[in-house]
Amino acid sequence: MGVDLESISEATSGAIGSLLSTTILYPLDTCKTKYQAEVQAHGQRKYRNLSDVLWEAVSTGQVLSLYQGLGTKNLQSFIAQFVYFYGYSYFKRLYLENSGSKSIGTKVNLILAAGAGACTAIVTQPLDTASSRMQTSAFGKSKGLWKTLTEGTLSDAFDGLGISLLLTSNPAIQYTVFDQLKERLLKQKLKKVDHDSSPVVLSAFTAFLLGAISKSIATFLTYPAIRCKVMIQAADPEDDDDNNKTKRAQSKSHKTVSGVVSAIWRREGILGFFKGLDAQITKTVLSSALLLMIKEKITATTWVLILAIRRSLLLRNGRLKNV
């Protein structure tokens, strides 16, 4: 089977969109992650809202620490989105070719998206764990990627993999909702334009709006699992003394799904599973909406560039054969 250029185009544009949106919103992501992790780590609430995390960084002169782990996050985000969009696009094309269908139903779309998400989670889990630990470290005390990955066992690097696999339903829901809404809007636009005109595409604002709606729905439905994952992957307290070593041991004992669920239920009740939902939606909706908006706008350009590179390579190979 030859190289699937269309899938590569989709994957590349999605990865670039993810890279840009992650960088733009990273300080917000750091505040969100520290806020979620802190709530479960202490009996008292140090941060009452996102602005408290930002103020701590400003008041301690550690504003640049809001970007701690950005390189790791970008690497993880780029690889994750490339693998996801390639797998998602490839699985859809494979299904249409083998089934003979002209369209993909909602149920099949969910299954294909979940399959792509599972592949992504397995490939990028160590980077995901490392970026979460770097973000939740004390301001100014974040460790490098290699040290973060190697300070524990191999299984530690895959902390939260089970929940990550469960959370494949999040992008599955998100992109299914987005694709369905996009398809309906494009069909309505096609009825209003001439068939000989340029291809119908979503406007930047429409793509942003659809991305926000689809991600809001997915985030609300999967948030309890999202919060448990953040708690499991959060950095342990610094072990500078015996007291902190004890705290670290106690913290580590709760870094299982059952331990985290028990801690939330015992300390915060059922509403605790949705604590920080507003912060999560603020960050993820903006990030996903930006990602999809950027992806929609650069997909055509990426496709043209890939075809140009392919043509150039074919011409070069042809010349070499004639020599």
C-alpha atoms as a PDB file:
ATOM      1  CA  MET A   1       0.000   0.000   0.000  1.00  0.00           C
ATOM      2  CA  GLY A   2       1.460   3.383  -1.027  1.00  0.00           C
ATOM      3  CA  VAL A   3       1.896   6.416   1.137  1.00  0.00           C
ATOM      4  CA  ASP A   4      -1.451   8.011   2.015  1.00  0.00           C
ATOM      5  CA  LEU A   5      -0.713  11.641   1.100  1.00  0.00           C
ATOM      6  CA  GLU A   6      -4.154  12.879   2.086  1.00  0.00           C
ATOM      7  CA  SER A   7      -3.779  11.403   5.571  1.00  0.00           C
ATOM      8  CA  ILE A   8      -0.301  12.917   5.872  1.00  0.00           C
ATOM      9  CA  SER A   9      -1.724  16.303   4.873  1.00  0.00           C
ATOM     10  CA  GLU A  10      -4.453  16.026   7.502  1.00  0.00           C
ATOM     11  CA  ALA A  11      -1.946  14.898  10.133  1.00  0.00           C
ATOM     12  CA  THR A  12       0.546  17.653   9.344  1.00  0.00           C
ATOM     13  CA  SER A  13      -2.016  20.449   9.414  1.00  0.00           C
ATOM     14  CA  GLY A  14      -3.498  19.090  12.639  1.00  0.00           C
ATOM     15  CA  ALA A  15      -0.074  18.839  14.275  1.00  0.00           C
ATOM     16  CA  ILE A  16       0.879  22.387  13.263  1.00  0.00           C
ATOM     17  CA  GLY A  17      -2.438  23.690  14.550  1.00  0.00           C
ATOM     18  CA  SER A  18      -1.882  21.888  17.838  1.00  0.00           C
ATOM     19  CA  LEU A  19       1.648  23.283  18.167  1.00  0.00           C
ATOM     20  CA  LEU A  20       0.480  26.875  17.696  1.00  0.00           C
ATOM     21  CA  SER A  21      -2.565  26.609  19.963  1.00  0.00           C
ATOM     22  CA  THR A  22      -0.545  24.894  22.713  1.00  0.00           C
ATOM     23  CA  THR A  23       2.121  27.610  22.677  1.00  0.00           C
ATOM     24  CA  ILE A  24      -0.395  30.465  22.687  1.00  0.00           C
ATOM     25  CA  LEU A  25      -2.403  29.077  25.607  1.00  0.00           C
ATOM     26  CA  TYR A  26       0.373  27.415  27.618  1.00  0.00           C
ATOM     27  CA  PRO A  27       0.380  29.814  30.625  1.00  0.00           C
ATOM     28  CA  LEU A  28      -3.362  29.192  30.986  1.00  0.00           C
ATOM     29  CA  ASP A  29      -2.735  25.442  30.726  1.00  0.00           C
ATOM     30  CA  THR A  30      -0.112  25.594  33.507  1.00  0.00           C
ATOM     31  CA  CYS A  31      -2.459  27.544  35.788  1.00  0.00           C
ATOM     32  CA  LYS A  32      -5.274  25.110  35.056  1.00  0.00           C
ATOM     33  CA  THR A  33      -3.164  22.027  35.735  1.00  0.00           C
ATOM     34  CA  LYS A  34      -1.667  23.344  38.988  1.00  0.00           C
ATOM     35  CA  TYR A  35      -5.130  24.401  40.154  1.00  0.00           C
ATOM     36  CA  GLN A  36      -6.610  20.966  39.532  1.00  0.00           C
ATOM     37  CA  ALA A  37      -3.701  19.096  41.128  1.00  0.00           C
ATOM     38  CA  GLU A  38      -3.472  21.350  44.201  1.00  0.00           C
ATOM     39  CA  VAL A  39      -7.072  20.834  45.203  1.00  0.00           C
ATOM     40  CA  GLN A  40      -6.515  17.130  45.766  1.00  0.00           C
ATOM     41  CA  ALA A  41      -3.038  17.452  47.270  1.00  0.00           C
ATOM     42  CA  HIS A  42      -3.904  19.509  50.338  1.00  0.00           C
ATOM     43  CA  GLY A  43      -6.650  19.538  52.900  1.00  0.00           C
ATOM     44  CA  GLN A  44      -7.029  23.288  52.413  1.00  0.00           C
ATOM     45  CA  ARG A  45      -7.548  25.121  49.157  1.00  0.00           C
ATOM     46  CA  LYS A  46      -4.487  27.196  48.346  1.00  0.00           C
ATOM     47  CA  TYR A  47      -5.906  28.284  44.999  1.00  0.00           C
ATOM     48  CA  ARG A  48      -9.514  29.417  44.955  1.00  0.00           C
ATOM     49  CA  ASN A  49      -9.435  30.156  41.218  1.00  0.00           C
ATOM     50  CA  LEU A  50      -7.074  30.367  38.265  1.00  0.00           C
ATOM     51  CA  SER A  51      -6.074  33.947  39.026  1.00  0.00           C
ATOM     52  CA  ASP A  52      -4.556  32.807  42.341  1.00  0.00           C
ATOM     53  CA  VAL A  53      -2.072  30.611  40.472  1.00  0.00           C
ATOM     54  CA  LEU A  54      -1.171  33.481  38.172  1.00  0.00           C
ATOM     55  CA  TRP A  55      -0.764  35.857  41.116  1.00  0.00           C
ATOM     56  CA  GLU A  56       1.568  33.407  42.866  1.00  0.00           C
ATOM     57  CA  ALA A  57       3.809  33.347  39.793  1.00  0.00           C
ATOM     58  CA  VAL A  58       3.798  37.148  39.564  1.00  0.00           C
ATOM     59  CA  SER A  59       4.305  37.817  43.297  1.00  0.00           C
ATOM     60  CA  THR A  60       7.236  35.391  43.549  1.00  0.00           C
ATOM     61  CA  GLY A  61       8.906  36.687  40.395  1.00  0.00           C
ATOM     62  CA  GLN A  62       8.415  33.370  38.608  1.00  0.00           C
ATOM     63  CA  VAL A  63       6.291  34.514  35.656  1.00  0.00           C
ATOM     64  CA  LEU A  64       8.508  32.638  33.186  1.00  0.00           C
ATOM     65  CA  SER A  65       7.820  29.473  35.182  1.00  0.00           C
ATOM     66  CA  LEU A  66       4.336  29.533  33.675  1.00  0.00           C
ATOM     67  CA  TYR A  67       6.132  28.179  30.616  1.00  0.00           C
ATOM     68  CA  GLN A  68       7.927  25.354  32.437  1.00  0.00           C
ATOM     69  CA  GLY A  69       7.589  22.177  30.413  1.00  0.00           C
ATOM     70  CA  LEU A  70       6.545  24.021  27.232  1.00  0.00           C
ATOM     71  CA  GLY A  71       9.100  22.184  25.079  1.00  0.00           C
ATOM     72  CA  THR A  72       7.915  18.803  26.343  1.00  0.00           C
ATOM     73  CA  LYS A  73       4.274  19.776  25.953  1.00  0.00           C
ATOM     74  CA  ASN A  74       4.843  20.960  22.392  1.00  0.00           C
ATOM     75  CA  LEU A  75       6.699  17.768  21.505  1.00  0.00           C
ATOM     76  CA  GLN A  76       3.938  15.663  23.036  1.00  0.00           C
ATOM     77  CA  SER A  77       1.223  17.759  21.424  1.00  0.00           C
ATOM     78  CA  PHE A  78       2.804  17.693  17.960  1.00  0.00           C
ATOM     79  CA  ILE A  79       3.381  13.927  17.986  1.00  0.00           C
ATOM     80  CA  ALA A  80      -0.040  13.235  19.502  1.00  0.00           C
ATOM     81  CA  GLN A  81      -1.942  15.307  16.982  1.00  0.00           C
ATOM     82  CA  PHE A  82       0.066  13.972  14.037  1.00  0.00           C
ATOM     83  CA  VAL A  83      -0.538  10.368  15.103  1.00  0.00           C
ATOM     84  CA  TYR A  84      -4.200  11.090  15.870  1.00  0.00           C
ATOM     85  CA  PHE A  85      -5.073  12.942  12.668  1.00  0.00           C
ATOM     86  CA  TYR A  86      -3.121  10.490  10.519  1.00  0.00           C
ATOM     87  CA  GLY A  87      -4.799   7.505  12.187  1.00  0.00           C
ATOM     88  CA  TYR A  88      -8.248   9.119  12.109  1.00  0.00           C
ATOM     89  CA  SER A  89      -7.968  10.110   8.432  1.00  0.00           C
ATOM     90  CA  TYR A  90      -6.404   6.790   7.450  1.00  0.00           C
ATOM     91  CA  PHE A  91      -9.021   4.703   9.279  1.00  0.00           C
ATOM     92  CA  LYS A  92     -11.844   6.686   7.648  1.00  0.00           C
ATOM     93  CA  ARG A  93     -10.415   6.216   4.139  1.00  0.00           C
ATOM     94  CA  LEU A  94      -9.795   2.507   4.821  1.00  0.00           C
ATOM     95  CA  TYR A  95     -13.358   2.039   6.045  1.00  0.00           C
ATOM     96  CA  LEU A  96     -14.880   3.806   3.029  1.00  0.00           C
ATOM     97  CA  GLU A  97     -12.732   1.785   0.596  1.00  0.00           C
ATOM     98  CA  ASN A  98     -13.535  -1.584   2.196  1.00  0.00           C
ATOM     99  CA  SER A  99     -17.204  -0.973   2.967  1.00  0.00           C
ATOM    100  CA  GLY A 100     -18.098   0.737  -0.293  1.00  0.00           C
ATOM    101  CA  SER A 101     -20.056   3.354   1.641  1.00  0.00           C
ATOM    102  CA  LYS A 102     -20.105   6.982   0.574  1.00  0.00           C
ATOM    103  CA  SER A 103     -20.375   8.351   4.112  1.00  0.00           C
ATOM    104  CA  ILE A 104     -19.551   7.378   7.677  1.00  0.00           C
ATOM    105  CA  GLY A 105     -22.249   7.123  10.329  1.00  0.00           C
ATOM    106  CA  THR A 106     -21.937   8.526  13.842  1.00  0.00           C
ATOM    107  CA  LYS A 107     -21.308   5.154  15.515  1.00  0.00           C
ATOM    108  CA  VAL A 108     -18.586   4.118  13.086  1.00  0.00           C
ATOM    109  CA  ASN A 109     -17.045   7.584  13.350  1.00  0.00           C
ATOM    110  CA  LEU A 110     -16.845   7.224  17.120  1.00  0.00           C
ATOM    111  CA  ILE A 111     -15.165   3.826  16.833  1.00  0.00           C
ATOM    112  CA  LEU A 112     -12.614   5.046  14.294  1.00  0.00           C
ATOM    113  CA  ALA A 113     -11.837   8.160  16.354  1.00  0.00           C
ATOM    114  CA  ALA A 114     -11.452   6.063  19.510  1.00  0.00           C
ATOM    115  CA  GLY A 115      -9.069   3.724  17.702  1.00  0.00           C
ATOM    116  CA  ALA A 116      -6.926   6.639  16.560  1.00  0.00           C
ATOM    117  CA  GLY A 117      -7.013   8.047  20.085  1.00  0.00           C
ATOM    118  CA  ALA A 118      -5.881   4.753  21.616  1.00  0.00           C
ATOM    119  CA  CYS A 119      -2.860   4.605  19.286  1.00  0.00           C
ATOM    120  CA  THR A 120      -2.030   8.193  20.216  1.00  0.00           C
ATOM    121  CA  ALA A 121      -2.307   7.587  23.970  1.00  0.00           C
ATOM    122  CA  ILE A 122       0.062   4.618  23.917  1.00  0.00           C
ATOM    123  CA  VAL A 123       2.693   6.399  21.811  1.00  0.00           C
ATOM    124  CA  THR A 124       2.720   9.681  23.737  1.00  0.00           C
ATOM    125  CA  GLN A 125       1.890   8.658  27.333  1.00  0.00           C
ATOM    126  CA  PRO A 126       5.445   9.102  28.738  1.00  0.00           C
ATOM    127  CA  LEU A 127       5.628  12.634  27.313  1.00  0.00           C
ATOM    128  CA  ASP A 128       2.141  13.395  28.613  1.00  0.00           C
ATOM    129  CA  THR A 129       3.101  12.230  32.114  1.00  0.00           C
ATOM    130  CA  ALA A 130       6.363  14.195  32.030  1.00  0.00           C
ATOM    131  CA  SER A 131       4.677  17.429  30.916  1.00  0.00           C
ATOM    132  CA  SER A 132       2.064  17.134  33.692  1.00  0.00           C
ATOM    133  CA  ARG A 133       4.764  16.604  36.330  1.00  0.00           C
ATOM    134  CA  MET A 134       6.758  19.568  35.024  1.00  0.00           C
ATOM    135  CA  GLN A 135       3.706  21.830  35.071  1.00  0.00           C
ATOM    136  CA  THR A 136       2.671  20.860  38.595  1.00  0.00           C
ATOM    137  CA  SER A 137       6.173  21.215  40.051  1.00  0.00           C
ATOM    138  CA  ALA A 138       6.773  24.229  42.275  1.00  0.00           C
ATOM    139  CA  PHE A 139       7.457  27.384  40.280  1.00  0.00           C
ATOM    140  CA  GLY A 140      11.133  27.505  39.334  1.00  0.00           C
ATOM    141  CA  LYS A 141      11.799  23.883  40.350  1.00  0.00           C
ATOM    142  CA  SER A 142      10.745  22.022  37.229  1.00  0.00           C
ATOM    143  CA  LYS A 143      13.189  19.349  36.064  1.00  0.00           C
ATOM    144  CA  GLY A 144      14.273  18.632  32.500  1.00  0.00           C
ATOM    145  CA  LEU A 145      12.519  16.099  30.298  1.00  0.00           C
ATOM    146  CA  TRP A 146      15.142  13.365  30.587  1.00  0.00           C
ATOM    147  CA  LYS A 147      15.423  13.681  34.373  1.00  0.00           C
ATOM    148  CA  THR A 148      11.659  13.716  34.743  1.00  0.00           C
ATOM    149  CA  LEU A 149      11.293  10.587  32.628  1.00  0.00           C
ATOM    150  CA  THR A 150      14.129   8.651  34.299  1.00  0.00           C
ATOM    151  CA  GLU A 151      13.625   9.527  37.966  1.00  0.00           C
ATOM    152  CA  GLY A 152      11.061   6.754  38.367  1.00  0.00           C
ATOM    153  CA  THR A 153      10.413   3.313  36.930  1.00  0.00           C
ATOM    154  CA  LEU A 154       9.171   2.586  33.420  1.00  0.00           C
ATOM    155  CA  SER A 155       5.674   2.029  34.784  1.00  0.00           C
ATOM    156  CA  ASP A 156       5.767   5.489  36.383  1.00  0.00           C
ATOM    157  CA  ALA A 157       6.264   7.002  32.937  1.00  0.00           C
ATOM    158  CA  PHE A 158       2.970   5.406  31.922  1.00  0.00           C
ATOM    159  CA  ASP A 159       1.014   6.702  34.921  1.00  0.00           C
ATOM    160  CA  GLY A 160      -2.560   7.321  33.910  1.00  0.00           C
ATOM    161  CA  LEU A 161      -2.419   5.222  30.732  1.00  0.00           C
ATOM    162  CA  GLY A 162      -5.610   3.404  31.654  1.00  0.00           C
ATOM    163  CA  ILE A 163      -7.490   6.674  32.035  1.00  0.00           C
ATOM    164  CA  SER A 164      -5.845   8.034  28.882  1.00  0.00           C
ATOM    165  CA  LEU A 165      -7.256   5.070  26.967  1.00  0.00           C
ATOM    166  CA  LEU A 166     -10.646   5.733  28.539  1.00  0.00           C
ATOM    167  CA  LEU A 167     -10.348   9.381  27.524  1.00  0.00           C
ATOM    168  CA  THR A 168     -10.026   8.417  23.867  1.00  0.00           C
ATOM    169  CA  SER A 169     -13.769   8.945  23.979  1.00  0.00           C
ATOM    170  CA  ASN A 170     -13.084  12.683  24.436  1.00  0.00           C
ATOM    171  CA  PRO A 171     -11.597  13.443  21.005  1.00  0.00           C
ATOM    172  CA  ALA A 172     -13.881  10.785  19.550  1.00  0.00           C
ATOM    173  CA  ILE A 173     -16.897  12.748  20.761  1.00  0.00           C
ATOM    174  CA  GLN A 174     -15.300  16.093  19.908  1.00  0.00           C
ATOM    175  CA  TYR A 175     -14.325  15.362  16.312  1.00  0.00           C
ATOM    176  CA  THR A 176     -17.484  13.405  15.602  1.00  0.00           C
ATOM    177  CA  VAL A 177     -19.621  16.353  16.723  1.00  0.00           C
ATOM    178  CA  PHE A 178     -17.366  18.751  14.794  1.00  0.00           C
ATOM    179  CA  ASP A 179     -17.484  16.678  11.586  1.00  0.00           C
ATOM    180  CA  GLN A 180     -21.242  16.247  11.762  1.00  0.00           C
ATOM    181  CA  LEU A 181     -21.867  19.965  12.329  1.00  0.00           C
ATOM    182  CA  LYS A 182     -19.329  20.880   9.641  1.00  0.00           C
ATOM    183  CA  GLU A 183     -20.925  18.519   7.122  1.00  0.00           C
ATOM    184  CA  ARG A 184     -24.371  19.992   7.709  1.00  0.00           C
ATOM    185  CA  LEU A 185     -23.133  23.568   7.349  1.00  0.00           C
ATOM    186  CA  LEU A 186     -21.211  22.797   4.153  1.00  0.00           C
ATOM    187  CA  LYS A 187     -24.241  21.088   2.637  1.00  0.00           C
ATOM    188  CA  GLN A 188     -26.309  24.190   3.341  1.00  0.00           C
ATOM    189  CA  LYS A 189     -23.639  26.393   1.737  1.00  0.00           C
ATOM    190  CA  LEU A 190     -23.405  24.162  -1.336  1.00  0.00           C
ATOM    191  CA  LYS A 191     -27.099  24.679  -2.017  1.00  0.00           C
ATOM    192  CA  LYS A 192     -26.551  28.442  -2.144  1.00  0.00           C
ATOM    193  CA  VAL A 193     -23.496  28.621  -4.445  1.00  0.00           C
ATOM    194  CA  ASP A 194     -22.736  27.650  -8.025  1.00  0.00           C
ATOM    195  CA  HIS A 195     -21.097  24.289  -8.583  1.00  0.00           C
ATOM    196  CA  ASP A 196     -18.442  25.937 -10.768  1.00  0.00           C
ATOM    197  CA  SER A 197     -17.294  28.286  -8.025  1.00  0.00           C
ATOM    198  CA  SER A 198     -14.323  27.709  -5.697  1.00  0.00           C
ATOM    199  CA  PRO A 199     -14.541  24.914  -3.063  1.00  0.00           C
ATOM    200  CA  VAL A 200     -16.768  25.694  -0.096  1.00  0.00           C
ATOM    201  CA  VAL A 201     -14.884  25.910   3.213  1.00  0.00           C
ATOM    202  CA  LEU A 202     -15.681  27.017   6.730  1.00  0.00           C
ATOM    203  CA  SER A 203     -14.857  30.550   7.761  1.00  0.00           C
ATOM    204  CA  ALA A 204     -12.333  30.998  10.573  1.00  0.00           C
ATOM    205  CA  PHE A 205     -15.054  32.144  12.973  1.00  0.00           C
ATOM    206  CA  THR A 206     -17.379  29.248  12.092  1.00  0.00           C
ATOM    207  CA  ALA A 207     -14.586  26.701  12.540  1.00  0.00           C
ATOM    208  CA  PHE A 208     -13.699  28.313  15.875  1.00  0.00           C
ATOM    209  CA  LEU A 209     -17.336  28.218  17.015  1.00  0.00           C
ATOM    210  CA  LEU A 210     -17.861  24.593  15.987  1.00  0.00           C
ATOM    211  CA  GLY A 211     -14.603  23.641  17.701  1.00  0.00           C
ATOM    212  CA  ALA A 212     -15.728  25.334  20.903  1.00  0.00           C
ATOM    213  CA  ILE A 213     -19.135  23.655  20.893  1.00  0.00           C
ATOM    214  CA  SER A 214     -17.780  20.177  20.144  1.00  0.00           C
ATOM    215  CA  LYS A 215     -15.040  20.412  22.781  1.00  0.00           C
ATOM    216  CA  SER A 216     -17.440  21.733  25.443  1.00  0.00           C
ATOM    217  CA  ILE A 217     -19.677  18.701  24.977  1.00  0.00           C
ATOM    218  CA  ALA A 218     -16.755  16.266  25.066  1.00  0.00           C
ATOM    219  CA  THR A 219     -15.151  17.926  28.103  1.00  0.00           C
ATOM    220  CA  PHE A 220     -18.325  17.931  30.172  1.00  0.00           C
ATOM    221  CA  LEU A 221     -19.014  14.245  29.500  1.00  0.00           C
ATOM    222  CA  THR A 222     -15.470  13.093  30.318  1.00  0.00           C
ATOM    223  CA  TYR A 223     -14.364  15.572  32.990  1.00  0.00           C
ATOM    224  CA  PRO A 224     -14.371  13.205  36.021  1.00  0.00           C
ATOM    225  CA  ALA A 225     -11.800  11.023  34.237  1.00  0.00           C
ATOM    226  CA  ILE A 226      -9.797  14.093  33.198  1.00  0.00           C
ATOM    227  CA  ARG A 227      -9.463  15.294  36.782  1.00  0.00           C
ATOM    228  CA  CYS A 228      -8.461  11.851  38.023  1.00  0.00           C
ATOM    229  CA  LYS A 229      -5.752  11.723  35.359  1.00  0.00           C
ATOM    230  CA  VAL A 230      -4.310  15.101  36.394  1.00  0.00           C
ATOM    231  CA  MET A 231      -4.208  13.980  40.027  1.00  0.00           C
ATOM    232  CA  ILE A 232      -2.446  10.726  39.151  1.00  0.00           C
ATOM    233  CA  GLN A 233       0.186  12.433  36.995  1.00  0.00           C
ATOM    234  CA  ALA A 234       0.834  15.433  39.281  1.00  0.00           C
ATOM    235  CA  ALA A 235       4.388  15.912  40.566  1.00  0.00           C
ATOM    236  CA  ASP A 236       5.153  14.537  44.030  1.00  0.00           C
ATOM    237  CA  PRO A 237       6.192  16.946  46.808  1.00  0.00           C
ATOM    238  CA  GLU A 238       9.903  17.759  46.977  1.00  0.00           C
ATOM    239  CA  ASP A 239      11.674  15.228  49.205  1.00  0.00           C
ATOM    240  CA  ASP A 240      14.193  17.573  50.895  1.00  0.00           C
ATOM    241  CA  ASP A 241      13.437  16.280  54.366  1.00  0.00           C
ATOM    242  CA  ASP A 242      11.889  13.311  56.118  1.00  0.00           C
ATOM    243  CA  ASN A 243       8.514  15.021  56.454  1.00  0.00           C
ATOM    244  CA  ASN A 244       8.286  15.571  52.698  1.00  0.00           C
ATOM    245  CA  LYS A 245       9.426  11.996  52.066  1.00  0.00           C
ATOM    246  CA  THR A 246       6.493  10.815  54.166  1.00  0.00           C
ATOM    247  CA  LYS A 247       4.136  13.085  52.229  1.00  0.00           C
ATOM    248  CA  ARG A 248       5.520  11.745  48.956  1.00  0.00           C
ATOM    249  CA  ALA A 249       4.954   8.163  50.044  1.00  0.00           C
ATOM    250  CA  GLN A 250       1.404   8.982  51.113  1.00  0.00           C
ATOM    251  CA  SER A 251       0.802  10.819  47.843  1.00  0.00           C
ATOM    252  CA  LYS A 252       2.136   7.918  45.792  1.00  0.00           C
ATOM    253  CA  SER A 253      -0.231   5.516  47.530  1.00  0.00           C
ATOM    254  CA  HIS A 254      -3.169   7.474  46.147  1.00  0.00           C
ATOM    255  CA  LYS A 255      -1.900   7.516  42.567  1.00  0.00           C
ATOM    256  CA  THR A 256      -4.178   4.770  41.416  1.00  0.00           C
ATOM    257  CA  VAL A 257      -7.618   5.174  39.931  1.00  0.00           C
ATOM    258  CA  SER A 258      -9.308   3.660  42.974  1.00  0.00           C
ATOM    259  CA  GLY A 259      -7.201   5.750  45.379  1.00  0.00           C
ATOM    260  CA  VAL A 260      -7.947   9.002  43.551  1.00  0.00           C
ATOM    261  CA  VAL A 261     -11.656   8.266  43.232  1.00  0.00           C
ATOM    262  CA  SER A 262     -11.809   7.395  46.935  1.00  0.00           C
ATOM    263  CA  ALA A 263      -9.969  10.601  47.902  1.00  0.00           C
ATOM    264  CA  ILE A 264     -12.300  12.800  45.849  1.00  0.00           C
ATOM    265  CA  TRP A 265     -15.418  11.125  47.170  1.00  0.00           C
ATOM    266  CA  ARG A 266     -14.239  11.247  50.782  1.00  0.00           C
ATOM    267  CA  ARG A 267     -13.028  14.858  50.788  1.00  0.00           C
ATOM    268  CA  GLU A 268     -15.283  16.618  48.297  1.00  0.00           C
ATOM    269  CA  GLY A 269     -18.285  14.449  47.535  1.00  0.00           C
ATOM    270  CA  ILE A 270     -19.793  13.898  44.098  1.00  0.00           C
ATOM    271  CA  LEU A 271     -19.333  17.550  43.109  1.00  0.00           C
ATOM    272  CA  GLY A 272     -15.591  17.091  43.603  1.00  0.00           C
ATOM    273  CA  PHE A 273     -15.474  15.088  40.380  1.00  0.00           C
ATOM    274  CA  PHE A 274     -16.402  18.296  38.555  1.00  0.00           C
ATOM    275  CA  LYS A 275     -14.241  20.709  40.556  1.00  0.00           C
ATOM    276  CA  GLY A 276     -12.191  22.797  38.154  1.00  0.00           C
ATOM    277  CA  LEU A 277     -14.538  22.068  35.246  1.00  0.00           C
ATOM    278  CA  ASP A 278     -14.772  25.774  34.393  1.00  0.00           C
ATOM    279  CA  ALA A 279     -10.978  26.033  34.215  1.00  0.00           C
ATOM    280  CA  GLN A 280     -10.760  22.905  32.057  1.00  0.00           C
ATOM    281  CA  ILE A 281     -13.410  24.138  29.640  1.00  0.00           C
ATOM    282  CA  THR A 282     -11.819  27.599  29.419  1.00  0.00           C
ATOM    283  CA  LYS A 283      -8.469  26.121  28.413  1.00  0.00           C
ATOM    284  CA  THR A 284      -9.470  23.105  26.330  1.00  0.00           C
ATOM    285  CA  VAL A 285     -12.254  24.833  24.425  1.00  0.00           C
ATOM    286  CA  LEU A 286      -9.975  27.708  23.416  1.00  0.00           C
ATOM    287  CA  SER A 287      -7.158  25.295  22.568  1.00  0.00           C
ATOM    288  CA  SER A 288      -9.284  22.927  20.502  1.00  0.00           C
ATOM    289  CA  ALA A 289     -11.156  25.726  18.775  1.00  0.00           C
ATOM    290  CA  LEU A 290      -7.870  27.387  17.812  1.00  0.00           C
ATOM    291  CA  LEU A 291      -6.442  24.042  16.689  1.00  0.00           C
ATOM    292  CA  LEU A 292      -9.374  23.265  14.415  1.00  0.00           C
ATOM    293  CA  MET A 293      -9.548  26.828  13.091  1.00  0.00           C
ATOM    294  CA  ILE A 294      -5.824  26.791  12.197  1.00  0.00           C
ATOM    295  CA  LYS A 295      -6.079  23.274  10.766  1.00  0.00           C
ATOM    296  CA  GLU A 296      -9.007  24.196   8.521  1.00  0.00           C
ATOM    297  CA  LYS A 297      -7.090  27.187   7.169  1.00  0.00           C
ATOM    298  CA  ILE A 298      -3.773  25.452   6.457  1.00  0.00           C
ATOM    299  CA  THR A 299      -5.021  22.048   5.247  1.00  0.00           C
ATOM    300  CA  ALA A 300      -5.320  23.197   1.628  1.00  0.00           C
ATOM    301  CA  THR A 301      -1.866  24.844   1.713  1.00  0.00           C
ATOM    302  CA  THR A 302      -0.324  21.735   3.291  1.00  0.00           C
ATOM    303  CA  TRP A 303      -1.883  19.536   0.616  1.00  0.00           C
ATOM    304  CA  VAL A 304      -0.490  21.729  -2.181  1.00  0.00           C
ATOM    305  CA  LEU A 305       2.995  21.690  -0.614  1.00  0.00           C
ATOM    306  CA  ILE A 306       2.969  17.902  -0.241  1.00  0.00           C
ATOM    307  CA  LEU A 307       1.919  17.459  -3.879  1.00  0.00           C
ATOM    308  CA  ALA A 308       4.652  19.897  -4.970  1.00  0.00           C
ATOM    309  CA  ILE A 309       7.275  17.995  -2.968  1.00  0.00           C
ATOM    310  CA  ARG A 310       6.062  14.699  -4.394  1.00  0.00           C
ATOM    311  CA  ARG A 311       6.196  16.045  -7.937  1.00  0.00           C
ATOM    312  CA  SER A 312       9.691  17.410  -7.355  1.00  0.00           C
ATOM    313  CA  LEU A 313      10.879  14.035  -6.034  1.00  0.00           C
ATOM    314  CA  LEU A 314       9.328  12.182  -8.980  1.00  0.00           C
ATOM    315  CA  LEU A 315      10.981  14.540 -11.466  1.00  0.00           C
ATOM    316  CA  ARG A 316      14.333  14.167  -9.724  1.00  0.00           C
ATOM    317  CA  ASN A 317      14.056  10.361  -9.708  1.00  0.00           C
ATOM    318  CA  GLY A 318      13.153  10.454 -13.382  1.00  0.00           C
ATOM    319  CA  ARG A 319      16.218  12.493 -14.231  1.00  0.00           C
ATOM    320  CA  LEU A 320      18.467  10.166 -12.239  1.00  0.00           C
ATOM    321  CA  LYS A 321      17.126   7.162 -14.137  1.00  0.00           C
ATOM    322  CA  ASN A 322      17.792   8.866 -17.477  1.00  0.00           C
ATOM    323  CA  VAL A 323      21.405   9.638 -16.555  1.00  0.00           C
END
